[in-house]
Amino acid sequence: MLSRDVLQRLQDALLHALQTAHVEVSVGIPEQLRDVGGGLVKTQAFVVLKPGIAPLDALVDELKAFVKERLAPHKYPRDIPFVDDLPKTATGKIQRFKLRELL
């Protein structure tokens, strides 16, 4: 699992991209679920786009490149699904377990 510091820097880098309104990057995908060997955990970033921004494949590539420029290249999120909203508790905390259920 990635450290909190790395997750925070990854989240900050994605939030500085002009198209994103909110990002949650703490969901890791074990490689066994991705049909790849090795047992490593890869980062997945769930992204809520700002209104008027279309969720295109080119935007995914742009966001990955944006993060690679600001962090070590191996820390970029491998998957970036766009979601309309992030599941939150009544107090506003993101429910990561619900995001994991989307995998």
N, C-alpha and C. Protein backbone atom coordinates (compact mmCIF):
# COMPACT_ATOMS: atom_id res chain seq x y z
N MET A 1 0.84 -1.18 0.00
CA MET A 1 0.00 0.00 0.00
C MET A 1 0.89 1.24 0.00
N LEU A 2 0.45 2.26 -0.64
CA LEU A 2 1.20 3.50 -0.70
C LEU A 2 1.08 4.26 0.62
N SER A 3 2.11 5.01 0.95
CA SER A 3 2.07 5.79 2.19
C SER A 3 1.08 6.94 2.05
N ARG A 4 0.66 7.48 3.19
CA ARG A 4 -0.28 8.61 3.18
C ARG A 4 0.33 9.82 2.49
N ASP A 5 1.64 10.01 2.66
CA ASP A 5 2.33 11.13 2.05
C ASP A 5 2.26 11.04 0.52
N VAL A 6 2.53 9.85 -0.01
CA VAL A 6 2.47 9.65 -1.46
C VAL A 6 1.05 9.84 -1.97
N LEU A 7 0.08 9.29 -1.24
CA LEU A 7 -1.32 9.44 -1.66
C LEU A 7 -1.73 10.91 -1.66
N GLN A 8 -1.30 11.65 -0.66
CA GLN A 8 -1.65 13.07 -0.58
C GLN A 8 -1.01 13.85 -1.73
N ARG A 9 0.26 13.55 -2.03
CA ARG A 9 0.92 14.25 -3.15
C ARG A 9 0.28 13.89 -4.48
N LEU A 10 -0.14 12.63 -4.63
CA LEU A 10 -0.82 12.22 -5.85
C LEU A 10 -2.16 12.92 -5.99
N GLN A 11 -2.90 12.99 -4.90
CA GLN A 11 -4.19 13.67 -4.90
C GLN A 11 -4.01 15.16 -5.20
N ASP A 12 -3.02 15.79 -4.59
CA ASP A 12 -2.76 17.21 -4.84
C ASP A 12 -2.40 17.46 -6.30
N ALA A 13 -1.58 16.59 -6.88
CA ALA A 13 -1.19 16.75 -8.27
C ALA A 13 -2.41 16.67 -9.20
N LEU A 14 -3.29 15.72 -8.94
CA LEU A 14 -4.49 15.59 -9.78
C LEU A 14 -5.45 16.76 -9.57
N LEU A 15 -5.54 17.26 -8.35
CA LEU A 15 -6.43 18.39 -8.09
C LEU A 15 -5.94 19.66 -8.76
N HIS A 16 -4.64 19.78 -8.98
CA HIS A 16 -4.10 20.95 -9.65
C HIS A 16 -4.35 20.92 -11.16
N ALA A 17 -4.74 19.77 -11.68
CA ALA A 17 -5.12 19.71 -13.08
C ALA A 17 -6.42 20.51 -13.21
N LEU A 18 -6.52 21.31 -14.23
CA LEU A 18 -7.64 22.25 -14.35
C LEU A 18 -9.00 21.59 -14.50
N GLN A 19 -9.04 20.35 -14.98
CA GLN A 19 -10.31 19.71 -15.28
C GLN A 19 -10.95 19.01 -14.09
N THR A 20 -10.22 18.79 -13.01
CA THR A 20 -10.76 17.99 -11.92
C THR A 20 -11.36 18.85 -10.82
N ALA A 21 -12.48 18.39 -10.31
CA ALA A 21 -13.15 19.08 -9.21
C ALA A 21 -12.84 18.39 -7.88
N HIS A 22 -12.73 17.06 -7.89
CA HIS A 22 -12.43 16.31 -6.68
C HIS A 22 -11.80 14.98 -7.09
N VAL A 23 -10.90 14.50 -6.25
CA VAL A 23 -10.16 13.27 -6.55
C VAL A 23 -10.06 12.42 -5.29
N GLU A 24 -10.20 11.12 -5.44
CA GLU A 24 -9.91 10.18 -4.36
C GLU A 24 -8.96 9.13 -4.93
N VAL A 25 -7.78 9.02 -4.35
CA VAL A 25 -6.76 8.14 -4.91
C VAL A 25 -6.31 7.03 -3.96
N SER A 26 -7.00 6.82 -2.89
CA SER A 26 -6.53 5.87 -1.89
C SER A 26 -6.94 4.44 -2.15
N VAL A 27 -7.57 4.16 -3.28
CA VAL A 27 -8.01 2.81 -3.57
C VAL A 27 -6.94 2.09 -4.36
N GLY A 28 -6.38 1.03 -3.80
CA GLY A 28 -5.38 0.24 -4.49
C GLY A 28 -6.01 -0.98 -5.14
N ILE A 29 -5.45 -1.37 -6.28
CA ILE A 29 -5.94 -2.54 -7.00
C ILE A 29 -4.84 -3.60 -6.96
N PRO A 30 -5.06 -4.72 -6.25
CA PRO A 30 -4.05 -5.78 -6.31
C PRO A 30 -3.91 -6.28 -7.74
N GLU A 31 -2.68 -6.58 -8.15
CA GLU A 31 -2.45 -7.00 -9.52
C GLU A 31 -3.18 -8.30 -9.85
N GLN A 32 -3.52 -9.11 -8.83
CA GLN A 32 -4.26 -10.33 -9.11
C GLN A 32 -5.61 -10.01 -9.75
N LEU A 33 -6.21 -8.87 -9.37
CA LEU A 33 -7.49 -8.46 -9.95
C LEU A 33 -7.31 -7.86 -11.33
N ARG A 34 -6.10 -7.44 -11.65
CA ARG A 34 -5.83 -6.81 -12.94
C ARG A 34 -5.26 -7.81 -13.93
N ASP A 35 -5.26 -9.11 -13.61
CA ASP A 35 -4.73 -10.17 -14.47
C ASP A 35 -3.26 -9.97 -14.80
N VAL A 36 -2.51 -9.49 -13.82
CA VAL A 36 -1.07 -9.30 -13.97
C VAL A 36 -0.41 -9.93 -12.76
N GLY A 37 0.72 -10.57 -12.94
CA GLY A 37 1.41 -11.22 -11.83
C GLY A 37 2.19 -10.24 -10.98
N GLY A 38 2.74 -10.74 -9.89
CA GLY A 38 3.63 -9.93 -9.07
C GLY A 38 3.07 -9.57 -7.71
N GLY A 39 1.79 -9.48 -7.54
CA GLY A 39 1.20 -9.18 -6.25
C GLY A 39 1.35 -7.74 -5.79
N LEU A 40 1.74 -6.83 -6.67
CA LEU A 40 1.87 -5.43 -6.30
C LEU A 40 0.51 -4.75 -6.29
N VAL A 41 0.39 -3.69 -5.51
CA VAL A 41 -0.84 -2.91 -5.46
C VAL A 41 -0.65 -1.64 -6.28
N LYS A 42 -1.52 -1.43 -7.25
CA LYS A 42 -1.46 -0.24 -8.10
C LYS A 42 -2.54 0.74 -7.66
N THR A 43 -2.26 2.00 -7.83
CA THR A 43 -3.18 3.05 -7.41
C THR A 43 -4.24 3.29 -8.46
N GLN A 44 -5.45 3.53 -8.00
CA GLN A 44 -6.55 3.92 -8.87
C GLN A 44 -7.09 5.24 -8.33
N ALA A 45 -7.32 6.18 -9.22
CA ALA A 45 -7.84 7.49 -8.83
C ALA A 45 -9.25 7.66 -9.37
N PHE A 46 -10.20 7.85 -8.49
CA PHE A 46 -11.56 8.17 -8.90
C PHE A 46 -11.64 9.68 -9.02
N VAL A 47 -12.06 10.18 -10.16
CA VAL A 47 -12.02 11.61 -10.45
C VAL A 47 -13.42 12.13 -10.75
N VAL A 48 -13.77 13.23 -10.09
CA VAL A 48 -15.00 13.97 -10.40
C VAL A 48 -14.56 15.18 -11.22
N LEU A 49 -15.08 15.29 -12.42
CA LEU A 49 -14.70 16.38 -13.31
C LEU A 49 -15.51 17.64 -13.02
N LYS A 50 -14.92 18.76 -13.36
CA LYS A 50 -15.65 20.03 -13.25
C LYS A 50 -16.77 20.03 -14.29
N PRO A 51 -17.84 20.77 -14.04
CA PRO A 51 -18.96 20.83 -15.00
C PRO A 51 -18.47 21.32 -16.37
N GLY A 52 -18.99 20.68 -17.41
CA GLY A 52 -18.65 21.07 -18.77
C GLY A 52 -17.44 20.36 -19.35
N ILE A 53 -16.72 19.54 -18.54
CA ILE A 53 -15.57 18.80 -19.03
C ILE A 53 -16.02 17.38 -19.38
N ALA A 54 -15.72 16.94 -20.60
CA ALA A 54 -16.12 15.62 -21.06
C ALA A 54 -15.11 14.56 -20.61
N PRO A 55 -15.59 13.40 -20.16
CA PRO A 55 -14.70 12.33 -19.71
C PRO A 55 -14.15 11.53 -20.90
N LEU A 56 -13.10 12.02 -21.52
CA LEU A 56 -12.52 11.39 -22.70
C LEU A 56 -11.28 10.58 -22.34
N ASP A 57 -10.95 9.60 -23.19
CA ASP A 57 -9.74 8.81 -22.98
C ASP A 57 -8.49 9.70 -23.04
N ALA A 58 -8.51 10.71 -23.89
CA ALA A 58 -7.37 11.63 -24.00
C ALA A 58 -7.15 12.37 -22.68
N LEU A 59 -8.22 12.64 -21.95
CA LEU A 59 -8.11 13.31 -20.66
C LEU A 59 -7.44 12.39 -19.64
N VAL A 60 -7.75 11.10 -19.69
CA VAL A 60 -7.10 10.14 -18.80
C VAL A 60 -5.59 10.17 -19.03
N ASP A 61 -5.18 10.13 -20.30
CA ASP A 61 -3.75 10.17 -20.63
C ASP A 61 -3.12 11.48 -20.18
N GLU A 62 -3.86 12.57 -20.33
CA GLU A 62 -3.35 13.88 -19.91
C GLU A 62 -3.15 13.94 -18.40
N LEU A 63 -4.11 13.40 -17.64
CA LEU A 63 -4.00 13.39 -16.18
C LEU A 63 -2.83 12.51 -15.72
N LYS A 64 -2.65 11.36 -16.37
CA LYS A 64 -1.52 10.49 -16.03
C LYS A 64 -0.20 11.21 -16.29
N ALA A 65 -0.09 11.85 -17.44
CA ALA A 65 1.14 12.59 -17.78
C ALA A 65 1.37 13.74 -16.80
N PHE A 66 0.30 14.41 -16.42
CA PHE A 66 0.38 15.52 -15.46
C PHE A 66 0.98 15.05 -14.14
N VAL A 67 0.53 13.89 -13.66
CA VAL A 67 1.04 13.35 -12.40
C VAL A 67 2.49 12.90 -12.56
N LYS A 68 2.81 12.25 -13.68
CA LYS A 68 4.18 11.76 -13.90
C LYS A 68 5.19 12.91 -13.90
N GLU A 69 4.76 14.09 -14.34
CA GLU A 69 5.66 15.24 -14.35
C GLU A 69 5.94 15.76 -12.94
N ARG A 70 5.01 15.55 -12.03
CA ARG A 70 5.12 16.13 -10.69
C ARG A 70 5.58 15.13 -9.62
N LEU A 71 5.38 13.85 -9.87
CA LEU A 71 5.80 12.81 -8.94
C LEU A 71 6.69 11.82 -9.69
N ALA A 72 7.23 10.88 -8.96
CA ALA A 72 8.00 9.82 -9.60
C ALA A 72 7.09 9.06 -10.57
N PRO A 73 7.58 8.74 -11.77
CA PRO A 73 6.73 8.12 -12.79
C PRO A 73 6.03 6.83 -12.35
N HIS A 74 6.63 6.07 -11.43
CA HIS A 74 5.99 4.82 -11.02
C HIS A 74 4.82 5.04 -10.06
N LYS A 75 4.58 6.27 -9.62
CA LYS A 75 3.52 6.55 -8.65
C LYS A 75 2.21 7.01 -9.28
N TYR A 76 2.17 7.12 -10.59
CA TYR A 76 0.95 7.62 -11.22
C TYR A 76 -0.16 6.57 -11.12
N PRO A 77 -1.43 6.98 -11.11
CA PRO A 77 -2.53 6.02 -11.05
C PRO A 77 -2.67 5.27 -12.37
N ARG A 78 -2.79 3.96 -12.30
CA ARG A 78 -2.90 3.15 -13.51
C ARG A 78 -4.29 3.26 -14.14
N ASP A 79 -5.28 3.40 -13.31
CA ASP A 79 -6.66 3.52 -13.79
C ASP A 79 -7.26 4.82 -13.24
N ILE A 80 -7.99 5.54 -14.09
CA ILE A 80 -8.65 6.77 -13.67
C ILE A 80 -10.09 6.75 -14.19
N PRO A 81 -10.99 6.13 -13.43
CA PRO A 81 -12.40 6.19 -13.83
C PRO A 81 -13.01 7.53 -13.40
N PHE A 82 -13.87 8.05 -14.24
CA PHE A 82 -14.59 9.28 -13.92
C PHE A 82 -15.92 8.91 -13.28
N VAL A 83 -16.25 9.58 -12.19
CA VAL A 83 -17.51 9.34 -11.49
C VAL A 83 -18.24 10.67 -11.33
N ASP A 84 -19.56 10.59 -11.20
CA ASP A 84 -20.36 11.81 -11.03
C ASP A 84 -20.19 12.41 -9.65
N ASP A 85 -20.03 11.54 -8.65
CA ASP A 85 -19.89 12.00 -7.27
C ASP A 85 -19.18 10.92 -6.47
N LEU A 86 -18.52 11.30 -5.41
CA LEU A 86 -17.87 10.34 -4.53
C LEU A 86 -18.79 10.02 -3.37
N PRO A 87 -18.91 8.73 -2.99
CA PRO A 87 -19.78 8.37 -1.87
C PRO A 87 -19.20 8.92 -0.57
N LYS A 88 -20.03 9.62 0.19
CA LYS A 88 -19.57 10.24 1.44
C LYS A 88 -20.50 9.89 2.59
N THR A 89 -19.94 9.99 3.79
CA THR A 89 -20.74 9.80 5.00
C THR A 89 -21.48 11.10 5.30
N ALA A 90 -22.29 11.08 6.34
CA ALA A 90 -23.03 12.27 6.73
C ALA A 90 -22.09 13.40 7.15
N THR A 91 -20.88 13.05 7.60
CA THR A 91 -19.92 14.07 8.02
C THR A 91 -18.98 14.50 6.89
N GLY A 92 -19.18 13.94 5.70
CA GLY A 92 -18.40 14.36 4.54
C GLY A 92 -17.15 13.55 4.25
N LYS A 93 -16.90 12.48 4.99
CA LYS A 93 -15.74 11.64 4.71
C LYS A 93 -16.05 10.71 3.55
N ILE A 94 -15.05 10.47 2.72
CA ILE A 94 -15.25 9.60 1.56
C ILE A 94 -15.29 8.15 2.01
N GLN A 95 -16.28 7.42 1.51
CA GLN A 95 -16.45 6.01 1.84
C GLN A 95 -15.65 5.17 0.84
N ARG A 96 -14.40 4.92 1.17
CA ARG A 96 -13.50 4.20 0.26
C ARG A 96 -13.96 2.78 -0.01
N PHE A 97 -14.62 2.14 0.96
CA PHE A 97 -15.07 0.77 0.77
C PHE A 97 -16.10 0.71 -0.38
N LYS A 98 -16.89 1.76 -0.54
CA LYS A 98 -17.86 1.78 -1.65
C LYS A 98 -17.14 1.94 -2.98
N LEU A 99 -16.04 2.68 -2.97
CA LEU A 99 -15.26 2.81 -4.20
C LEU A 99 -14.62 1.47 -4.55
N ARG A 100 -14.16 0.73 -3.55
CA ARG A 100 -13.56 -0.59 -3.82
C ARG A 100 -14.60 -1.54 -4.40
N GLU A 101 -15.86 -1.37 -4.00
CA GLU A 101 -16.92 -2.24 -4.52
C GLU A 101 -17.16 -2.00 -6.01
N LEU A 102 -16.76 -0.84 -6.51
CA LEU A 102 -16.92 -0.54 -7.93
C LEU A 102 -15.91 -1.28 -8.80
N LEU A 103 -14.87 -1.85 -8.19
CA LEU A 103 -13.82 -2.54 -8.94
C LEU A 103 -14.36 -3.78 -9.56
